[in-house]
């Protein structure tokens, strides 16, 4: 077999490619760390319930206004809490996907 069958993948070009790959990996790692540190907030019931989550998909805070608490209608409160939590998580996930897609090489946007 010929030694240099793929001329564009030899010597300096391979080193250049490896440097670019390492730089890209560092950028991706930094972006993931930044996304993990962000916080996303959503409300439900006209602000009766507010949920804040971080980029690690953890609930950071949950605020329920006293007037949202009706012992006769616990199901409504449960629905409001779920709606706020789910919306905050969706917002964080959408931001993560958009950020990572922008960093992907052309044609690889769906990789993340």
N, C-alpha and C. Protein backbone atom coordinates (compact mmCIF):
# COMPACT_ATOMS: atom_id res chain seq x y z
N UNK A 1 0.84 -1.17 0.00
CA UNK A 1 0.00 0.00 0.00
C UNK A 1 0.89 1.24 0.00
N UNK A 2 0.47 2.23 -0.74
CA UNK A 2 1.25 3.46 -0.83
C UNK A 2 1.22 4.20 0.50
N UNK A 3 2.37 4.73 0.87
CA UNK A 3 2.50 5.38 2.16
C UNK A 3 1.66 6.64 2.26
N UNK A 4 1.63 7.45 1.24
CA UNK A 4 0.92 8.72 1.29
C UNK A 4 -0.27 8.70 0.35
N UNK A 5 -1.14 7.74 0.56
CA UNK A 5 -2.30 7.56 -0.29
C UNK A 5 -3.29 8.72 -0.12
N UNK A 6 -3.32 9.33 1.04
CA UNK A 6 -4.19 10.45 1.32
C UNK A 6 -3.33 11.67 1.64
N UNK A 7 -2.90 12.41 0.63
CA UNK A 7 -1.94 13.49 0.86
C UNK A 7 -2.45 14.60 1.77
N UNK A 8 -3.73 14.85 1.82
CA UNK A 8 -4.24 15.94 2.64
C UNK A 8 -4.30 15.58 4.12
N UNK A 9 -4.01 14.35 4.47
CA UNK A 9 -4.08 13.91 5.85
C UNK A 9 -2.70 13.58 6.41
N UNK A 10 -1.69 14.10 5.86
CA UNK A 10 -0.35 13.78 6.32
C UNK A 10 0.38 14.98 6.87
N UNK A 11 1.41 14.72 7.63
CA UNK A 11 2.33 15.74 8.11
C UNK A 11 1.67 16.91 8.79
N UNK A 12 2.00 18.11 8.30
CA UNK A 12 1.53 19.36 8.90
C UNK A 12 0.02 19.51 8.87
N UNK A 13 -0.61 19.00 7.81
CA UNK A 13 -2.06 19.14 7.71
C UNK A 13 -2.76 18.39 8.84
N UNK A 14 -2.25 17.24 9.20
CA UNK A 14 -2.85 16.46 10.28
C UNK A 14 -2.67 17.19 11.61
N UNK A 15 -1.50 17.77 11.82
CA UNK A 15 -1.27 18.53 13.04
C UNK A 15 -2.20 19.74 13.11
N UNK A 16 -2.38 20.40 11.98
CA UNK A 16 -3.28 21.55 11.91
C UNK A 16 -4.72 21.12 12.24
N UNK A 17 -5.13 19.98 11.69
CA UNK A 17 -6.46 19.45 11.94
C UNK A 17 -6.65 19.11 13.41
N UNK A 18 -5.63 18.52 14.01
CA UNK A 18 -5.70 18.17 15.43
C UNK A 18 -5.79 19.42 16.31
N UNK A 19 -5.04 20.46 15.95
CA UNK A 19 -5.10 21.71 16.70
C UNK A 19 -6.49 22.34 16.61
N UNK A 20 -7.07 22.31 15.41
CA UNK A 20 -8.41 22.85 15.23
C UNK A 20 -9.44 22.05 16.04
N UNK A 21 -9.29 20.73 16.04
CA UNK A 21 -10.21 19.88 16.79
C UNK A 21 -10.09 20.15 18.29
N UNK A 22 -8.88 20.32 18.77
CA UNK A 22 -8.66 20.61 20.19
C UNK A 22 -9.26 21.97 20.56
N UNK A 23 -9.08 22.96 19.69
CA UNK A 23 -9.62 24.29 19.95
C UNK A 23 -11.15 24.22 19.98
N UNK A 24 -11.72 23.48 19.06
CA UNK A 24 -13.17 23.34 19.01
C UNK A 24 -13.69 22.65 20.28
N UNK A 25 -12.98 21.63 20.72
CA UNK A 25 -13.37 20.92 21.95
C UNK A 25 -13.34 21.86 23.15
N UNK A 26 -12.33 22.70 23.22
CA UNK A 26 -12.22 23.66 24.31
C UNK A 26 -13.38 24.66 24.27
N UNK A 27 -13.74 25.12 23.06
CA UNK A 27 -14.85 26.05 22.92
C UNK A 27 -16.17 25.40 23.33
N UNK A 28 -16.36 24.14 22.93
CA UNK A 28 -17.59 23.42 23.29
C UNK A 28 -17.68 23.22 24.80
N UNK A 29 -16.57 22.87 25.42
CA UNK A 29 -16.54 22.67 26.87
C UNK A 29 -16.89 23.98 27.59
N UNK A 30 -16.31 25.08 27.14
CA UNK A 30 -16.59 26.39 27.73
C UNK A 30 -18.07 26.75 27.55
N UNK A 31 -18.61 26.51 26.36
CA UNK A 31 -20.01 26.82 26.11
C UNK A 31 -20.92 26.00 27.01
N UNK A 32 -20.60 24.73 27.19
CA UNK A 32 -21.42 23.87 28.06
C UNK A 32 -21.36 24.36 29.50
N UNK A 33 -20.19 24.77 29.96
CA UNK A 33 -20.07 25.30 31.32
C UNK A 33 -20.89 26.57 31.48
N UNK A 34 -20.83 27.44 30.48
CA UNK A 34 -21.60 28.68 30.52
C UNK A 34 -23.10 28.39 30.54
N UNK A 35 -23.54 27.44 29.72
CA UNK A 35 -24.95 27.07 29.68
C UNK A 35 -25.40 26.45 31.00
N UNK A 36 -24.56 25.64 31.60
CA UNK A 36 -24.90 25.03 32.88
C UNK A 36 -25.08 26.08 33.97
N UNK A 37 -24.35 27.18 33.88
CA UNK A 37 -24.40 28.22 34.91
C UNK A 37 -25.60 29.17 34.74
N UNK A 38 -26.21 29.18 33.56
CA UNK A 38 -27.35 30.07 33.33
C UNK A 38 -28.57 29.64 34.12
N UNK A 39 -29.47 30.60 34.30
CA UNK A 39 -30.75 30.31 34.96
C UNK A 39 -31.88 30.76 34.04
N UNK A 40 -32.97 30.01 34.06
CA UNK A 40 -34.13 30.26 33.22
C UNK A 40 -35.36 30.31 34.12
N UNK A 41 -36.23 31.28 33.85
CA UNK A 41 -37.40 31.47 34.71
C UNK A 41 -38.66 31.44 33.86
N UNK A 42 -39.71 30.86 34.43
CA UNK A 42 -41.01 30.84 33.78
C UNK A 42 -42.09 30.97 34.84
N UNK A 43 -43.22 31.51 34.40
CA UNK A 43 -44.35 31.67 35.32
C UNK A 43 -45.58 30.98 34.74
N UNK A 44 -46.56 30.74 35.61
CA UNK A 44 -47.84 30.18 35.20
C UNK A 44 -48.93 30.83 36.02
N UNK A 45 -50.13 30.80 35.49
CA UNK A 45 -51.26 31.37 36.21
C UNK A 45 -51.13 32.87 36.38
N UNK A 46 -50.62 33.55 35.39
CA UNK A 46 -50.48 35.00 35.48
C UNK A 46 -49.51 35.44 36.56
N UNK A 47 -48.50 34.65 36.80
CA UNK A 47 -47.49 35.00 37.79
C UNK A 47 -47.75 34.41 39.17
N UNK A 48 -48.78 33.58 39.28
CA UNK A 48 -49.09 32.96 40.57
C UNK A 48 -48.00 31.98 41.00
N UNK A 49 -47.39 31.31 40.01
CA UNK A 49 -46.32 30.35 40.28
C UNK A 49 -45.13 30.72 39.41
N UNK A 50 -43.97 30.82 40.01
CA UNK A 50 -42.74 31.12 39.28
C UNK A 50 -41.72 30.04 39.59
N UNK A 51 -41.09 29.55 38.52
CA UNK A 51 -40.05 28.52 38.67
C UNK A 51 -38.78 29.00 37.99
N UNK A 52 -37.67 28.75 38.66
CA UNK A 52 -36.36 29.07 38.10
C UNK A 52 -35.55 27.78 38.09
N UNK A 53 -34.96 27.47 36.90
CA UNK A 53 -34.10 26.29 36.77
C UNK A 53 -32.75 26.74 36.25
N UNK A 54 -31.74 25.89 36.47
CA UNK A 54 -30.42 26.20 35.92
C UNK A 54 -30.18 25.35 34.67
N UNK A 55 -29.07 25.58 34.03
CA UNK A 55 -28.74 24.87 32.81
C UNK A 55 -28.47 23.39 33.02
N UNK A 56 -28.33 22.98 34.25
CA UNK A 56 -28.14 21.56 34.56
C UNK A 56 -29.48 20.85 34.73
N UNK A 57 -30.56 21.59 34.44
CA UNK A 57 -31.92 21.06 34.53
C UNK A 57 -32.34 20.78 35.97
N UNK A 58 -31.89 21.62 36.88
CA UNK A 58 -32.24 21.51 38.29
C UNK A 58 -33.12 22.70 38.68
N UNK A 59 -34.15 22.44 39.48
CA UNK A 59 -34.99 23.53 39.97
C UNK A 59 -34.20 24.29 41.02
N UNK A 60 -34.04 25.58 40.80
CA UNK A 60 -33.28 26.44 41.71
C UNK A 60 -34.22 27.10 42.71
N UNK A 61 -35.38 27.52 42.23
CA UNK A 61 -36.36 28.11 43.13
C UNK A 61 -37.76 27.92 42.58
N UNK A 62 -38.71 27.90 43.49
CA UNK A 62 -40.12 27.76 43.15
C UNK A 62 -40.89 28.68 44.08
N UNK A 63 -41.60 29.65 43.50
CA UNK A 63 -42.34 30.61 44.29
C UNK A 63 -43.83 30.46 43.99
N UNK A 64 -44.61 30.34 45.04
CA UNK A 64 -46.06 30.22 44.91
C UNK A 64 -46.69 31.35 45.72
N UNK A 65 -47.46 32.19 45.05
CA UNK A 65 -48.13 33.28 45.76
C UNK A 65 -49.22 32.69 46.64
N UNK A 66 -49.39 33.24 47.83
CA UNK A 66 -50.40 32.70 48.76
C UNK A 66 -51.79 32.59 48.17
N UNK A 67 -52.17 33.53 47.33
CA UNK A 67 -53.52 33.49 46.75
C UNK A 67 -53.71 32.33 45.77
N UNK A 68 -52.61 31.68 45.38
CA UNK A 68 -52.72 30.51 44.49
C UNK A 68 -53.06 29.24 45.27
N UNK A 69 -52.95 29.32 46.59
CA UNK A 69 -53.18 28.15 47.43
C UNK A 69 -54.65 28.12 47.85
N UNK A 70 -55.37 27.17 47.25
CA UNK A 70 -56.78 26.97 47.58
C UNK A 70 -56.94 25.51 48.00
N UNK A 71 -57.16 25.26 49.28
CA UNK A 71 -57.29 23.87 49.75
C UNK A 71 -58.39 23.10 49.04
N UNK A 72 -59.34 23.83 48.46
CA UNK A 72 -60.44 23.17 47.75
C UNK A 72 -60.05 22.82 46.32
N UNK A 73 -58.92 23.35 45.84
CA UNK A 73 -58.53 23.10 44.44
C UNK A 73 -57.01 22.87 44.35
N UNK A 74 -56.56 21.83 44.98
CA UNK A 74 -55.13 21.49 44.98
C UNK A 74 -54.67 21.14 43.56
N UNK A 75 -55.54 20.54 42.77
CA UNK A 75 -55.17 20.15 41.41
C UNK A 75 -54.75 21.35 40.57
N UNK A 76 -55.42 22.47 40.73
CA UNK A 76 -55.05 23.66 39.97
C UNK A 76 -53.63 24.09 40.32
N UNK A 77 -53.32 24.09 41.60
CA UNK A 77 -51.97 24.46 42.03
C UNK A 77 -50.94 23.50 41.46
N UNK A 78 -51.24 22.22 41.48
CA UNK A 78 -50.32 21.23 40.91
C UNK A 78 -50.11 21.50 39.43
N UNK A 79 -51.16 21.81 38.71
CA UNK A 79 -51.05 22.11 37.28
C UNK A 79 -50.20 23.35 37.03
N UNK A 80 -50.38 24.37 37.86
CA UNK A 80 -49.60 25.60 37.72
C UNK A 80 -48.12 25.33 37.96
N UNK A 81 -47.82 24.55 38.98
CA UNK A 81 -46.42 24.22 39.28
C UNK A 81 -45.80 23.45 38.13
N UNK A 82 -46.50 22.44 37.65
CA UNK A 82 -45.96 21.66 36.53
C UNK A 82 -45.76 22.52 35.29
N UNK A 83 -46.72 23.41 35.01
CA UNK A 83 -46.61 24.27 33.84
C UNK A 83 -45.39 25.18 33.94
N UNK A 84 -45.18 25.78 35.09
CA UNK A 84 -44.04 26.68 35.26
C UNK A 84 -42.72 25.93 35.17
N UNK A 85 -42.64 24.78 35.82
CA UNK A 85 -41.40 23.98 35.78
C UNK A 85 -41.10 23.53 34.35
N UNK A 86 -42.10 22.99 33.68
CA UNK A 86 -41.88 22.50 32.31
C UNK A 86 -41.49 23.61 31.35
N UNK A 87 -42.10 24.77 31.49
CA UNK A 87 -41.76 25.89 30.60
C UNK A 87 -40.34 26.38 30.86
N UNK A 88 -39.93 26.45 32.10
CA UNK A 88 -38.56 26.86 32.41
C UNK A 88 -37.56 25.85 31.84
N UNK A 89 -37.86 24.56 31.97
CA UNK A 89 -36.97 23.52 31.42
C UNK A 89 -36.91 23.61 29.90
N UNK A 90 -38.06 23.83 29.25
CA UNK A 90 -38.08 23.96 27.78
C UNK A 90 -37.26 25.15 27.33
N UNK A 91 -37.38 26.25 28.03
CA UNK A 91 -36.61 27.45 27.68
C UNK A 91 -35.11 27.18 27.77
N UNK A 92 -34.69 26.54 28.85
CA UNK A 92 -33.28 26.20 29.00
C UNK A 92 -32.79 25.25 27.92
N UNK A 93 -33.58 24.25 27.61
CA UNK A 93 -33.18 23.27 26.59
C UNK A 93 -33.11 23.91 25.20
N UNK A 94 -34.05 24.77 24.90
CA UNK A 94 -34.04 25.46 23.60
C UNK A 94 -32.78 26.33 23.47
N UNK A 95 -32.45 27.05 24.53
CA UNK A 95 -31.25 27.88 24.52
C UNK A 95 -30.00 27.03 24.33
N UNK A 96 -29.94 25.90 25.03
CA UNK A 96 -28.80 24.98 24.90
C UNK A 96 -28.66 24.48 23.46
N UNK A 97 -29.76 24.03 22.88
CA UNK A 97 -29.73 23.50 21.52
C UNK A 97 -29.31 24.57 20.52
N UNK A 98 -29.86 25.78 20.65
CA UNK A 98 -29.50 26.85 19.73
C UNK A 98 -28.03 27.23 19.85
N UNK A 99 -27.53 27.32 21.06
CA UNK A 99 -26.13 27.69 21.28
C UNK A 99 -25.19 26.64 20.72
N UNK A 100 -25.46 25.38 21.01
CA UNK A 100 -24.58 24.31 20.55
C UNK A 100 -24.65 24.14 19.03
N UNK A 101 -25.82 24.34 18.44
CA UNK A 101 -25.96 24.23 16.99
C UNK A 101 -25.15 25.30 16.27
N UNK A 102 -25.11 26.49 16.85
CA UNK A 102 -24.32 27.57 16.23
C UNK A 102 -22.83 27.25 16.24
N UNK A 103 -22.40 26.44 17.19
CA UNK A 103 -20.98 26.14 17.31
C UNK A 103 -20.56 24.95 16.45
N UNK A 104 -21.53 24.18 15.98
CA UNK A 104 -21.22 22.97 15.22
C UNK A 104 -20.74 23.34 13.82
N UNK A 105 -19.82 22.54 13.26
CA UNK A 105 -19.40 22.78 11.88
C UNK A 105 -20.58 22.63 10.94
N UNK A 106 -20.50 23.24 9.79
CA UNK A 106 -21.57 23.18 8.80
C UNK A 106 -21.98 21.73 8.55
N UNK A 107 -23.27 21.51 8.55
CA UNK A 107 -23.78 20.17 8.29
C UNK A 107 -23.86 19.28 9.50
N UNK A 108 -23.40 19.75 10.66
CA UNK A 108 -23.40 18.90 11.86
C UNK A 108 -24.26 19.52 12.96
N UNK A 109 -25.16 20.44 12.60
CA UNK A 109 -25.97 21.13 13.59
C UNK A 109 -26.82 20.20 14.44
N UNK A 110 -27.30 19.09 13.87
CA UNK A 110 -28.13 18.17 14.61
C UNK A 110 -27.36 17.24 15.53
N UNK A 111 -26.05 17.35 15.55
CA UNK A 111 -25.20 16.47 16.36
C UNK A 111 -25.44 16.67 17.84
N UNK A 112 -25.80 17.89 18.25
CA UNK A 112 -25.97 18.20 19.66
C UNK A 112 -27.43 18.13 20.02
